[in-house]
Amino acid sequence: MAEHRRGANLPSLGGFNRTVVLDAVRRSRDGLSRVELAARTGLSPQTVSNVTRFLIDAGMIVESGTVVSGRGKPRTILRLEARSRFAVGVHVDPAVVTYVLLDLAGAVVAEATTSTPNAEDPDQVVRTMAAAVDGLVRRSGVAPDSVLGVGIASPGPIDAAAGVVLDPPFLPRWRDVALRDALGHATGYPVLLEKDVTAAAVGEMFLERGAAARDFAFVYFGTGFGVGLVIDHEPVRGSGANAGDAGHIMVDQGPLAGTGDGDGTRGEVGATVMPDRLVRIAVERGIALGDGLLAAGTAAADGADIAVDLAAVDRAWDVLATAIAAEDPAAQALAAEIGTVMGRAVVVIVNLLDLDRVVFGGPFWSRISSAALPAATAAITGSPILVPKHPVTVVESRRGTDVAAVGAACLVLDAALSPRASTMLIAH
């Protein structure tokens, strides 16, 4: 049975109790009766009745049929009205900005992408992103006042308190961009800013059920390598909200050592699995030498500015994914080597936090997962230095390439809908 947080029968916590009830209904596939809600949440029948009346009037839950269980009056089933509220998620990537619109159930209603604007002109950045958000909402046909807010997933480091993107390594012109408040002013929506790996972990936590959402590491493979953490249903942000930089964990690189960059790397997982380096390795090994892969690999090998050529690296990764899907042995072997190296690094985190679940995801991961996930799983569960004696589950996120954007939208949904004593329900 899924775990549910307990409510409190205190009038001053009315908003908290609403989120407790709404969260329980949201996580139930078949809906719940008021009697079941009282049992699961610990709230009194009268409190449940008052809260459900409010949520029905707000259009967030609906009465949907009845069930007969033993003697007595049939019980009315309450279900989530998923299309009553929405959230926008924005993922700022060095190559593209991805926008998604989610409903309350976390389903993607609409999505769009734009080229990443040049942050030398912060005003233009905000205008571009605000226009994209407004266009996404307009094209979806949802009422603008049903949108709870906008979440932004950005490469770190960020200043979460100030809502500022500081100086992400692959966005050299994005320095001290006050994105949160400016985008909020431009769109009229509340805006949350989060580091991309943390946003991805929040999305996984919000959309999964039961024990799967309680404690886990989210291994994020995008332009860089990072790990988002959730412990006891809470994302680990750190004192500056920049937790997750796991790239300096030292690993046995195996066949990836000393290739792709002449001198090799120092053995750090982040440097070992940089996507541009892996493209160069693919070129050296003669894997799927299509125009996109060859062009990106050659440009990177010639010392081109990789910040300018990230779009070519992304296209090259699509070619690599096609080769893996076509069962090209060399491409599959490369993906397996990548998974193995990442798995070796993750063992350190599993040991440190005694985790029983690891989730892999991100825009670059999803394209190699068919070959990389089995290798990563074997590297983790079969590691000779693995400390926990309980089973460790290793899975791929179901969010696909848009995992960070979906996670950004889930920041808003989680803030609005998840039960915390400090969180009041956002209502329109």
Protein backbone atom coordinates (compact mmCIF):
# COMPACT_ATOMS: atom_id res chain seq x y z
CA MET A 1 0.00 0.00 0.00
CA ALA A 2 1.27 3.49 -0.82
CA GLU A 3 2.55 5.55 2.09
CA HIS A 4 0.61 8.69 3.02
CA ARG A 5 1.52 11.56 5.30
CA ARG A 6 -0.61 12.13 8.34
CA GLY A 7 -2.80 15.20 8.74
CA ALA A 8 -3.53 17.27 11.83
CA ASN A 9 -6.98 18.17 13.11
CA LEU A 10 -6.06 21.79 13.82
CA PRO A 11 -8.02 24.65 12.24
CA SER A 12 -4.82 26.63 11.75
CA LEU A 13 -3.49 23.88 9.49
CA GLY A 14 -6.46 23.89 7.14
CA GLY A 15 -4.25 24.49 4.12
CA PHE A 16 -1.97 21.64 5.16
CA ASN A 17 -4.91 19.30 5.54
CA ARG A 18 -6.11 20.17 2.04
CA THR A 19 -2.78 19.14 0.61
CA VAL A 20 -2.81 15.92 2.66
CA VAL A 21 -6.22 14.98 1.23
CA LEU A 22 -5.40 16.09 -2.30
CA ASP A 23 -2.10 14.20 -2.25
CA ALA A 24 -3.85 11.02 -1.11
CA VAL A 25 -6.47 11.30 -3.87
CA ARG A 26 -3.79 12.10 -6.47
CA ARG A 27 -1.74 9.04 -5.58
CA SER A 28 -4.70 6.65 -5.69
CA ARG A 29 -5.23 5.15 -9.14
CA ASP A 30 -8.88 4.24 -8.50
CA GLY A 31 -9.91 7.13 -6.26
CA LEU A 32 -10.84 7.06 -2.59
CA SER A 33 -14.02 7.39 -0.56
CA ARG A 34 -14.24 9.83 2.35
CA VAL A 35 -14.05 6.91 4.78
CA GLU A 36 -10.85 5.69 3.13
CA LEU A 37 -9.43 9.22 3.16
CA ALA A 38 -10.02 9.50 6.90
CA ALA A 39 -8.29 6.16 7.48
CA ARG A 40 -5.29 6.96 5.28
CA THR A 41 -4.70 10.55 6.39
CA GLY A 42 -5.54 10.32 10.09
CA LEU A 43 -8.00 13.21 9.73
CA SER A 44 -11.40 13.13 11.41
CA PRO A 45 -14.45 12.37 9.22
CA GLN A 46 -15.68 15.95 9.75
CA THR A 47 -12.34 17.42 8.66
CA VAL A 48 -12.30 15.18 5.59
CA SER A 49 -15.84 16.26 4.75
CA ASN A 50 -14.95 19.95 5.04
CA VAL A 51 -11.73 19.61 3.06
CA THR A 52 -13.27 17.56 0.24
CA ARG A 53 -16.14 20.06 -0.04
CA PHE A 54 -13.56 22.83 -0.53
CA LEU A 55 -11.60 20.83 -3.11
CA ILE A 56 -14.77 19.92 -5.02
CA ASP A 57 -15.85 23.58 -5.07
CA ALA A 58 -12.36 24.49 -6.31
CA GLY A 59 -12.76 21.92 -9.11
CA MET A 60 -9.65 19.98 -8.07
CA ILE A 61 -11.43 16.73 -7.21
CA VAL A 62 -14.74 15.30 -8.43
CA GLU A 63 -17.23 12.75 -7.21
CA SER A 64 -17.03 9.82 -9.60
CA GLY A 65 -19.38 6.92 -9.00
CA THR A 66 -20.10 4.86 -5.90
CA VAL A 67 -19.06 1.52 -4.49
CA VAL A 68 -20.90 -0.84 -2.18
CA SER A 69 -18.81 -2.43 0.53
CA GLY A 70 -20.78 -4.54 2.99
CA ARG A 71 -23.80 -3.12 4.70
CA GLY A 72 -24.67 0.53 4.83
CA LYS A 73 -24.78 3.44 2.47
CA PRO A 74 -22.75 3.15 -0.79
CA ARG A 75 -19.53 5.15 -0.68
CA THR A 76 -18.92 7.97 -3.14
CA ILE A 77 -15.51 7.80 -4.84
CA LEU A 78 -13.43 10.97 -5.14
CA ARG A 79 -10.96 11.34 -8.00
CA LEU A 80 -8.48 13.99 -9.06
CA GLU A 81 -9.68 16.46 -11.68
CA ALA A 82 -6.35 16.53 -13.48
CA ARG A 83 -7.25 19.28 -15.94
CA SER A 84 -8.34 21.76 -13.29
CA ARG A 85 -4.86 23.23 -12.73
CA PHE A 86 -1.60 23.25 -14.67
CA ALA A 87 2.10 24.06 -14.27
CA VAL A 88 4.76 25.17 -16.73
CA GLY A 89 8.27 23.71 -16.65
CA VAL A 90 11.28 25.33 -18.34
CA HIS A 91 14.64 23.60 -18.78
CA VAL A 92 17.52 25.92 -19.67
CA ASP A 93 20.07 23.83 -21.56
CA PRO A 94 23.19 25.19 -23.28
CA ALA A 95 21.77 24.17 -26.68
CA VAL A 96 17.97 24.54 -26.33
CA VAL A 97 15.33 25.69 -23.88
CA THR A 98 12.52 23.16 -23.41
CA TYR A 99 9.05 24.15 -22.21
CA VAL A 100 6.32 21.77 -21.01
CA LEU A 101 2.82 22.23 -19.63
CA LEU A 102 1.70 19.58 -17.11
CA ASP A 103 -1.70 18.90 -15.59
CA LEU A 104 -2.21 18.01 -11.93
CA ALA A 105 -1.54 14.34 -12.63
CA GLY A 106 1.81 15.20 -14.19
CA ALA A 107 0.77 14.41 -17.77
CA VAL A 108 2.36 16.53 -20.50
CA VAL A 109 -0.35 18.64 -22.13
CA ALA A 110 1.89 20.67 -24.45
CA GLU A 111 5.57 21.23 -25.13
CA ALA A 112 7.87 23.45 -27.17
CA THR A 113 11.55 24.30 -27.63
CA THR A 114 13.50 27.43 -28.52
CA SER A 115 17.17 28.07 -29.10
CA THR A 116 18.94 29.14 -25.94
CA PRO A 117 19.07 32.96 -26.03
CA ASN A 118 22.32 34.84 -25.56
CA ALA A 119 22.35 36.06 -21.97
CA GLU A 120 24.55 39.07 -22.75
CA ASP A 121 21.18 40.81 -23.06
CA PRO A 122 19.17 39.66 -20.01
CA ASP A 123 16.11 41.60 -21.10
CA GLN A 124 16.05 39.70 -24.39
CA VAL A 125 16.39 36.42 -22.51
CA VAL A 126 13.32 37.23 -20.43
CA ARG A 127 11.33 38.45 -23.43
CA THR A 128 12.11 35.28 -25.36
CA MET A 129 11.25 32.96 -22.51
CA ALA A 130 8.11 34.87 -21.50
CA ALA A 131 6.85 34.80 -25.07
CA ALA A 132 7.48 31.05 -25.23
CA VAL A 133 5.62 30.44 -21.95
CA ASP A 134 2.67 32.59 -23.01
CA GLY A 135 2.58 30.90 -26.42
CA LEU A 136 2.66 27.44 -24.86
CA VAL A 137 -0.29 28.23 -22.60
CA ARG A 138 -2.23 29.90 -25.40
CA ARG A 139 -1.75 27.07 -27.89
CA SER A 140 -2.75 24.49 -25.30
CA GLY A 141 -6.15 26.13 -24.91
CA VAL A 142 -6.05 26.12 -21.10
CA ALA A 143 -7.21 29.15 -19.13
CA PRO A 144 -4.21 31.26 -18.08
CA ASP A 145 -5.59 31.63 -14.56
CA SER A 146 -5.59 27.83 -14.16
CA VAL A 147 -1.76 27.83 -14.38
CA LEU A 148 -0.28 27.60 -10.88
CA GLY A 149 3.15 28.87 -11.84
CA VAL A 150 6.40 28.30 -13.70
CA GLY A 151 9.35 26.19 -12.62
CA ILE A 152 12.82 26.72 -14.11
CA ALA A 153 15.49 24.00 -14.16
CA SER A 154 18.90 25.54 -14.80
CA PRO A 155 22.46 24.28 -14.81
CA GLY A 156 24.21 25.27 -11.61
CA PRO A 157 25.49 27.04 -9.79
CA ILE A 158 22.46 29.13 -8.88
CA ASP A 159 21.58 31.51 -6.07
CA ALA A 160 18.23 30.04 -5.10
CA ALA A 161 17.44 32.69 -2.49
CA ALA A 162 17.94 35.52 -4.98
CA GLY A 163 16.60 33.57 -7.97
CA VAL A 164 19.79 34.15 -9.94
CA VAL A 165 21.62 31.92 -12.44
CA LEU A 166 25.26 32.53 -11.48
CA ASP A 167 27.83 31.16 -13.95
CA PRO A 168 26.99 27.74 -15.45
CA PRO A 169 30.08 26.27 -17.15
CA PHE A 170 28.54 25.70 -20.58
CA LEU A 171 26.74 29.04 -20.68
CA PRO A 172 29.66 31.47 -20.39
CA ARG A 173 27.52 34.53 -21.10
CA TRP A 174 24.93 33.57 -18.49
CA ARG A 175 26.47 35.26 -15.49
CA ASP A 176 24.35 36.67 -12.68
CA VAL A 177 21.11 36.49 -14.63
CA ALA A 178 18.21 37.35 -12.28
CA LEU A 179 15.90 34.99 -14.09
CA ARG A 180 13.27 34.10 -11.47
CA ASP A 181 11.92 37.54 -10.60
CA ALA A 182 12.25 38.92 -14.13
CA LEU A 183 10.34 36.01 -15.68
CA GLY A 184 7.73 36.21 -12.95
CA HIS A 185 7.22 39.90 -13.67
CA ALA A 186 7.04 39.29 -17.42
CA THR A 187 4.55 36.41 -17.25
CA GLY A 188 2.56 37.31 -14.16
CA TYR A 189 3.04 33.80 -12.77
CA PRO A 190 4.85 32.73 -9.59
CA VAL A 191 8.27 31.36 -10.63
CA LEU A 192 10.57 28.85 -8.91
CA LEU A 193 14.24 28.36 -9.82
CA GLU A 194 16.01 25.06 -9.17
CA LYS A 195 19.21 23.34 -10.22
CA ASP A 196 18.46 20.91 -13.06
CA VAL A 197 19.53 17.71 -11.26
CA THR A 198 17.38 18.60 -8.26
CA ALA A 199 14.42 19.44 -10.49
CA ALA A 200 14.72 16.04 -12.18
CA ALA A 201 14.72 14.34 -8.76
CA VAL A 202 11.67 16.34 -7.64
CA GLY A 203 9.83 15.28 -10.79
CA GLU A 204 10.60 11.64 -10.13
CA MET A 205 9.51 11.97 -6.50
CA PHE A 206 6.26 13.75 -7.36
CA LEU A 207 5.21 11.37 -10.13
CA GLU A 208 6.11 8.05 -8.53
CA ARG A 209 4.08 6.26 -5.86
CA GLY A 210 4.81 4.66 -2.51
CA ALA A 211 8.28 3.53 -1.52
CA ALA A 212 9.69 4.32 -4.99
CA ALA A 213 9.41 8.04 -4.15
CA ARG A 214 10.87 7.88 -0.66
CA ASP A 215 14.68 7.51 -0.92
CA PHE A 216 16.65 7.43 -4.16
CA ALA A 217 19.46 8.90 -6.22
CA PHE A 218 18.61 10.38 -9.60
CA VAL A 219 21.63 10.09 -11.91
CA TYR A 220 21.28 12.92 -14.41
CA PHE A 221 23.21 12.72 -17.67
CA GLY A 222 22.86 15.85 -19.76
CA THR A 223 25.55 18.25 -20.86
CA GLY A 224 27.23 17.20 -17.63
CA PHE A 225 26.95 14.45 -15.01
CA GLY A 226 25.11 15.10 -11.74
CA VAL A 227 23.14 13.30 -9.04
CA GLY A 228 19.92 14.54 -7.48
CA LEU A 229 18.98 13.06 -4.12
CA VAL A 230 15.68 12.47 -2.33
CA ILE A 231 15.76 11.34 1.31
CA ASP A 232 12.53 10.60 3.18
CA HIS A 233 10.42 12.30 0.49
CA GLU A 234 12.53 15.48 0.61
CA PRO A 235 14.95 16.66 -2.09
CA VAL A 236 18.48 17.31 -0.83
CA ARG A 237 19.37 20.84 -1.90
CA GLY A 238 22.29 21.75 0.36
CA SER A 239 22.90 25.08 2.07
CA GLY A 240 23.13 26.94 -1.24
CA ALA A 241 20.70 24.76 -3.24
CA ASN A 242 23.59 23.54 -5.41
CA ALA A 243 23.87 19.94 -4.24
CA GLY A 244 24.39 17.31 -6.90
CA ASP A 245 27.84 17.94 -8.39
CA ALA A 246 29.11 14.36 -8.39
CA GLY A 247 31.42 14.65 -11.38
CA HIS A 248 34.62 14.58 -9.34
CA ILE A 249 34.05 11.06 -8.00
CA MET A 250 37.06 9.01 -9.08
CA VAL A 251 36.37 5.81 -11.01
CA ASP A 252 38.05 3.03 -12.89
CA GLN A 253 37.49 4.29 -16.45
CA GLY A 254 38.06 0.95 -18.12
CA PRO A 255 38.32 1.20 -21.94
CA LEU A 256 37.32 4.89 -21.79
CA ALA A 257 40.64 5.85 -20.19
CA GLY A 258 43.10 7.73 -22.35
CA THR A 259 40.90 7.91 -25.44
CA GLY A 260 38.99 10.73 -27.01
CA ASP A 261 41.27 13.45 -25.64
CA GLY A 262 44.86 12.36 -26.18
CA ASP A 263 46.06 12.58 -22.59
CA GLY A 264 42.98 11.01 -21.04
CA THR A 265 41.29 12.34 -17.88
CA ARG A 266 42.30 12.11 -14.24
CA GLY A 267 39.73 9.41 -13.64
CA GLU A 268 36.81 11.65 -12.68
CA VAL A 269 33.44 10.33 -13.83
CA GLY A 270 32.24 13.74 -15.02
CA ALA A 271 35.21 14.30 -17.31
CA THR A 272 35.13 10.70 -18.49
CA VAL A 273 31.53 10.83 -19.72
CA MET A 274 31.38 14.36 -21.13
CA PRO A 275 29.17 14.01 -24.24
CA ASP A 276 31.62 15.83 -26.53
CA ARG A 277 34.47 13.56 -25.40
CA LEU A 278 32.32 10.51 -26.03
CA VAL A 279 31.53 11.77 -29.53
CA ARG A 280 35.26 12.00 -30.20
CA ILE A 281 35.70 8.44 -28.95
CA ALA A 282 32.90 7.29 -31.24
CA VAL A 283 34.64 8.96 -34.18
CA GLU A 284 37.95 7.33 -33.27
CA ARG A 285 36.26 3.94 -33.15
CA GLY A 286 34.53 4.45 -36.47
CA ILE A 287 31.04 4.20 -35.04
CA ALA A 288 28.16 5.24 -37.33
CA LEU A 289 30.15 7.79 -39.29
CA GLY A 290 27.18 9.80 -40.48
CA ASP A 291 27.59 13.46 -41.35
CA GLY A 292 26.27 14.70 -38.01
CA LEU A 293 28.50 12.47 -35.91
CA LEU A 294 31.59 13.06 -38.04
CA ALA A 295 31.10 16.83 -38.11
CA ALA A 296 30.64 17.11 -34.36
CA GLY A 297 33.52 14.77 -33.60
CA THR A 298 35.86 16.53 -36.00
CA ALA A 299 34.93 19.99 -34.71
CA ALA A 300 35.50 18.94 -31.13
CA ALA A 301 38.75 17.16 -31.96
CA ASP A 302 40.01 20.28 -33.75
CA GLY A 303 39.53 22.27 -30.56
CA ALA A 304 36.39 24.13 -31.64
CA ASP A 305 34.49 26.06 -28.97
CA ILE A 306 32.28 23.29 -27.61
CA ALA A 307 29.88 25.86 -26.13
CA VAL A 308 29.13 26.93 -29.70
CA ASP A 309 29.03 23.37 -31.03
CA LEU A 310 26.74 21.75 -28.46
CA ALA A 311 23.90 21.56 -30.97
CA ALA A 312 26.16 19.50 -33.25
CA VAL A 313 27.08 17.23 -30.35
CA ASP A 314 23.38 16.75 -29.64
CA ARG A 315 22.75 15.78 -33.27
CA ALA A 316 25.70 13.43 -33.12
CA TRP A 317 24.18 11.79 -30.08
CA ASP A 318 21.03 11.12 -32.11
CA VAL A 319 23.17 9.33 -34.69
CA LEU A 320 24.81 7.30 -31.93
CA ALA A 321 21.36 6.40 -30.56
CA THR A 322 20.31 5.22 -34.00
CA ALA A 323 23.40 3.03 -34.23
CA ILE A 324 22.63 1.51 -30.81
CA ALA A 325 19.04 0.82 -31.84
CA ALA A 326 20.36 -0.83 -35.01
CA GLU A 327 22.46 -3.11 -32.78
CA ASP A 328 25.79 -1.79 -34.01
CA PRO A 329 28.20 -3.76 -31.80
CA ALA A 330 30.70 -0.92 -31.42
CA ALA A 331 27.97 1.60 -30.52
CA GLN A 332 26.43 -0.79 -28.00
CA ALA A 333 29.85 -1.48 -26.49
CA LEU A 334 30.49 2.26 -26.06
CA ALA A 335 27.11 2.76 -24.37
CA ALA A 336 27.82 -0.16 -22.04
CA GLU A 337 31.19 1.34 -21.11
CA ILE A 338 29.45 4.63 -20.30
CA GLY A 339 26.91 2.84 -18.11
CA THR A 340 29.64 0.90 -16.33
CA VAL A 341 31.64 4.03 -15.48
CA MET A 342 28.56 5.81 -14.16
CA GLY A 343 27.53 2.76 -12.15
CA ARG A 344 30.95 2.60 -10.50
CA ALA A 345 30.60 6.21 -9.41
CA VAL A 346 27.08 5.70 -8.11
CA VAL A 347 28.21 2.88 -5.81
CA VAL A 348 29.99 5.54 -3.73
CA ILE A 349 26.71 7.43 -3.26
CA VAL A 350 24.70 4.26 -2.55
CA ASN A 351 27.23 3.30 0.13
CA LEU A 352 27.28 6.80 1.64
CA LEU A 353 23.50 7.12 1.99
CA ASP A 354 22.46 3.45 2.21
CA LEU A 355 20.09 3.84 -0.74
CA ASP A 356 17.96 1.08 -2.20
CA ARG A 357 16.94 2.77 -5.44
CA VAL A 358 18.84 4.46 -8.27
CA VAL A 359 17.14 6.17 -11.20
CA PHE A 360 19.01 7.08 -14.40
CA GLY A 361 17.73 9.79 -16.71
CA GLY A 362 18.45 12.94 -18.66
CA PRO A 363 18.51 14.03 -22.29
CA PHE A 364 21.71 12.16 -23.18
CA TRP A 365 21.00 9.12 -21.05
CA SER A 366 17.65 8.25 -22.61
CA ARG A 367 19.26 7.78 -26.01
CA ILE A 368 21.78 5.17 -24.86
CA SER A 369 19.82 3.50 -22.06
CA SER A 370 19.00 0.26 -23.86
CA ALA A 371 22.68 -0.69 -23.72
CA ALA A 372 23.87 1.51 -20.85
CA LEU A 373 21.28 0.59 -18.19
CA PRO A 374 22.11 -3.15 -17.98
CA ALA A 375 25.79 -2.27 -17.69
CA ALA A 376 25.14 0.36 -15.00
CA THR A 377 22.96 -2.08 -13.09
CA ALA A 378 25.64 -4.76 -13.16
CA ALA A 379 28.31 -2.26 -12.06
CA ILE A 380 26.21 -1.22 -9.06
CA THR A 381 24.66 -4.48 -7.87
CA GLY A 382 27.75 -6.56 -8.62
CA SER A 383 30.29 -4.13 -7.22
CA PRO A 384 32.81 -5.72 -4.84
CA ILE A 385 32.74 -2.55 -2.71
CA LEU A 386 28.93 -2.31 -2.42
CA VAL A 387 28.18 -2.02 1.33
CA PRO A 388 24.35 -2.31 1.69
CA LYS A 389 23.16 -5.90 2.02
CA HIS A 390 19.60 -5.12 0.91
CA PRO A 391 18.63 -5.22 -2.79
CA VAL A 392 19.37 -2.08 -4.82
CA THR A 393 16.87 -1.39 -7.58
CA VAL A 394 18.27 0.34 -10.69
CA VAL A 395 15.79 1.76 -13.21
CA GLU A 396 15.45 4.31 -15.98
CA SER A 397 13.24 7.35 -15.51
CA ARG A 398 10.04 7.23 -17.53
CA ARG A 399 10.21 11.00 -18.16
CA GLY A 400 12.37 10.70 -21.31
CA THR A 401 14.53 13.46 -22.74
CA ASP A 402 12.34 16.18 -21.20
CA VAL A 403 12.97 14.96 -17.64
CA ALA A 404 14.39 18.29 -16.41
CA ALA A 405 11.56 20.36 -17.89
CA VAL A 406 8.98 17.94 -16.47
CA GLY A 407 10.80 18.14 -13.15
CA ALA A 408 10.70 21.93 -13.28
CA ALA A 409 6.92 21.88 -13.67
CA CYS A 410 6.71 19.36 -10.84
CA LEU A 411 8.49 21.89 -8.60
CA VAL A 412 5.36 24.00 -8.87
CA LEU A 413 2.99 21.05 -8.44
CA ASP A 414 4.97 19.76 -5.47
CA ALA A 415 5.02 23.18 -3.80
CA ALA A 416 1.28 23.56 -4.34
CA LEU A 417 0.02 20.04 -3.72
CA SER A 418 2.41 18.13 -1.45
CA PRO A 419 1.66 18.18 2.28
CA ARG A 420 4.07 20.31 4.28
CA ALA A 421 3.21 22.32 7.34
CA SER A 422 4.92 25.36 5.80
CA THR A 423 3.11 25.10 2.47
CA MET A 424 -0.33 26.53 1.84
CA LEU A 425 -2.38 25.50 -1.18
CA ILE A 426 -1.99 27.80 -4.17
CA ALA A 427 -5.50 28.49 -5.43
CA HIS A 428 -6.83 30.59 -8.26
